[in-house]
N, C-alpha and C. Protein backbone atom coordinates (compact mmCIF):
# COMPACT_ATOMS: atom_id res chain seq x y z
N UNK A 1 0.83 -1.19 0.00
CA UNK A 1 0.00 0.00 0.00
C UNK A 1 0.87 1.25 0.00
N UNK A 2 0.24 2.32 -0.35
CA UNK A 2 0.93 3.60 -0.38
C UNK A 2 1.22 4.08 1.04
N UNK A 3 2.40 4.64 1.24
CA UNK A 3 2.80 5.10 2.57
C UNK A 3 1.91 6.24 3.07
N UNK A 4 1.43 7.06 2.17
CA UNK A 4 0.59 8.19 2.58
C UNK A 4 -0.75 7.72 3.16
N UNK A 5 -1.18 6.54 2.79
CA UNK A 5 -2.40 5.97 3.35
C UNK A 5 -2.26 5.79 4.86
N UNK A 6 -1.13 5.28 5.29
CA UNK A 6 -0.90 5.06 6.72
C UNK A 6 -0.73 6.37 7.47
N UNK A 7 -0.10 7.34 6.84
CA UNK A 7 0.06 8.66 7.45
C UNK A 7 -1.30 9.31 7.63
N UNK A 8 -2.15 9.22 6.65
CA UNK A 8 -3.50 9.78 6.73
C UNK A 8 -4.34 9.11 7.80
N UNK A 9 -4.23 7.79 7.88
CA UNK A 9 -5.00 7.03 8.88
C UNK A 9 -4.55 7.40 10.29
N UNK A 10 -3.24 7.55 10.49
CA UNK A 10 -2.70 7.94 11.79
C UNK A 10 -3.08 9.37 12.16
N UNK A 11 -3.08 10.25 11.17
CA UNK A 11 -3.48 11.64 11.41
C UNK A 11 -4.95 11.70 11.82
N UNK A 12 -5.78 10.93 11.16
CA UNK A 12 -7.20 10.88 11.51
C UNK A 12 -7.38 10.38 12.94
N UNK A 13 -6.60 9.39 13.34
CA UNK A 13 -6.68 8.87 14.71
C UNK A 13 -6.28 9.94 15.73
N UNK A 14 -5.27 10.73 15.42
CA UNK A 14 -4.87 11.82 16.31
C UNK A 14 -5.95 12.90 16.40
N UNK A 15 -6.55 13.23 15.28
CA UNK A 15 -7.63 14.22 15.27
C UNK A 15 -8.80 13.72 16.09
N UNK A 16 -9.12 12.45 15.98
CA UNK A 16 -10.21 11.87 16.77
C UNK A 16 -9.91 11.91 18.26
N UNK A 17 -8.66 11.69 18.63
CA UNK A 17 -8.27 11.74 20.05
C UNK A 17 -8.48 13.15 20.60
N UNK A 18 -8.10 14.16 19.85
CA UNK A 18 -8.28 15.54 20.29
C UNK A 18 -9.76 15.89 20.35
N UNK A 19 -10.52 15.46 19.36
CA UNK A 19 -11.96 15.70 19.35
C UNK A 19 -12.63 15.01 20.54
N UNK A 20 -12.22 13.81 20.86
CA UNK A 20 -12.77 13.08 22.00
C UNK A 20 -12.48 13.79 23.31
N UNK A 21 -11.26 14.28 23.47
CA UNK A 21 -10.92 15.00 24.69
C UNK A 21 -11.73 16.27 24.82
N UNK A 22 -12.05 16.90 23.71
CA UNK A 22 -12.90 18.09 23.73
C UNK A 22 -14.32 17.78 24.16
N UNK A 23 -14.72 16.53 24.00
CA UNK A 23 -16.05 16.09 24.43
C UNK A 23 -16.00 15.35 25.76
N UNK A 24 -14.91 15.53 26.50
CA UNK A 24 -14.70 14.90 27.81
C UNK A 24 -14.78 13.38 27.75
N UNK A 25 -14.17 12.81 26.74
CA UNK A 25 -14.07 11.36 26.58
C UNK A 25 -12.59 10.98 26.55
N UNK A 26 -12.30 9.72 26.68
CA UNK A 26 -10.92 9.26 26.72
C UNK A 26 -10.26 9.38 25.34
N UNK A 27 -9.25 10.24 25.27
CA UNK A 27 -8.55 10.41 24.00
C UNK A 27 -7.79 9.16 23.59
N UNK A 28 -7.19 8.47 24.56
CA UNK A 28 -6.43 7.26 24.24
C UNK A 28 -7.35 6.17 23.69
N UNK A 29 -8.49 5.96 24.33
CA UNK A 29 -9.42 4.94 23.85
C UNK A 29 -9.91 5.24 22.43
N UNK A 30 -10.23 6.49 22.18
CA UNK A 30 -10.71 6.87 20.85
C UNK A 30 -9.58 6.82 19.82
N UNK A 31 -8.36 7.10 20.24
CA UNK A 31 -7.23 6.97 19.33
C UNK A 31 -7.07 5.52 18.88
N UNK A 32 -7.10 4.60 19.85
CA UNK A 32 -6.95 3.19 19.53
C UNK A 32 -8.13 2.67 18.70
N UNK A 33 -9.32 3.11 19.05
CA UNK A 33 -10.50 2.71 18.28
C UNK A 33 -10.41 3.24 16.85
N UNK A 34 -9.90 4.45 16.70
CA UNK A 34 -9.76 5.05 15.38
C UNK A 34 -8.73 4.33 14.53
N UNK A 35 -7.70 3.77 15.16
CA UNK A 35 -6.73 3.00 14.41
C UNK A 35 -7.38 1.76 13.80
N UNK A 36 -8.39 1.23 14.48
CA UNK A 36 -9.08 0.04 13.97
C UNK A 36 -10.20 0.38 12.99
N UNK A 37 -10.98 1.40 13.33
CA UNK A 37 -12.18 1.69 12.54
C UNK A 37 -12.06 2.89 11.60
N UNK A 38 -11.10 3.76 11.84
CA UNK A 38 -10.86 4.89 10.96
C UNK A 38 -12.04 5.86 10.89
N UNK A 39 -12.50 6.14 9.68
CA UNK A 39 -13.58 7.12 9.49
C UNK A 39 -14.90 6.75 10.18
N UNK A 40 -15.12 5.48 10.41
CA UNK A 40 -16.34 5.06 11.10
C UNK A 40 -16.32 5.57 12.54
N UNK A 41 -15.16 5.52 13.18
CA UNK A 41 -15.02 6.04 14.54
C UNK A 41 -15.23 7.56 14.55
N UNK A 42 -14.76 8.24 13.51
CA UNK A 42 -14.97 9.69 13.41
C UNK A 42 -16.45 10.00 13.33
N UNK A 43 -17.17 9.23 12.56
CA UNK A 43 -18.61 9.42 12.42
C UNK A 43 -19.34 9.28 13.76
N UNK A 44 -19.02 8.21 14.50
CA UNK A 44 -19.66 8.01 15.79
C UNK A 44 -19.27 9.08 16.81
N UNK A 45 -18.03 9.50 16.76
CA UNK A 45 -17.56 10.54 17.67
C UNK A 45 -18.21 11.88 17.36
N UNK A 46 -18.38 12.16 16.10
CA UNK A 46 -19.03 13.43 15.71
C UNK A 46 -20.49 13.48 16.15
N UNK A 47 -21.14 12.34 16.19
CA UNK A 47 -22.55 12.29 16.57
C UNK A 47 -22.75 12.23 18.09
N UNK A 48 -21.70 11.91 18.82
CA UNK A 48 -21.84 11.76 20.27
C UNK A 48 -21.99 13.11 20.94
N UNK A 49 -22.69 13.10 22.06
CA UNK A 49 -22.91 14.32 22.84
C UNK A 49 -21.73 14.55 23.77
N UNK A 50 -21.54 15.80 24.17
CA UNK A 50 -20.50 16.14 25.13
C UNK A 50 -20.94 15.70 26.51
N UNK A 51 -20.04 15.07 27.28
CA UNK A 51 -20.35 14.62 28.62
C UNK A 51 -20.27 15.74 29.59
């Protein structure tokens, strides 16, 4: 696979971690979940309410 694919996936995971912390959720958990699910995790995180 192209190397930029992995860079993009990792960047998305970092963005999700920051977004999760902004919603008072665990950034580490969302980072790891994002590594597995990618854009699907972003979708669920965007729809979640702030705690």
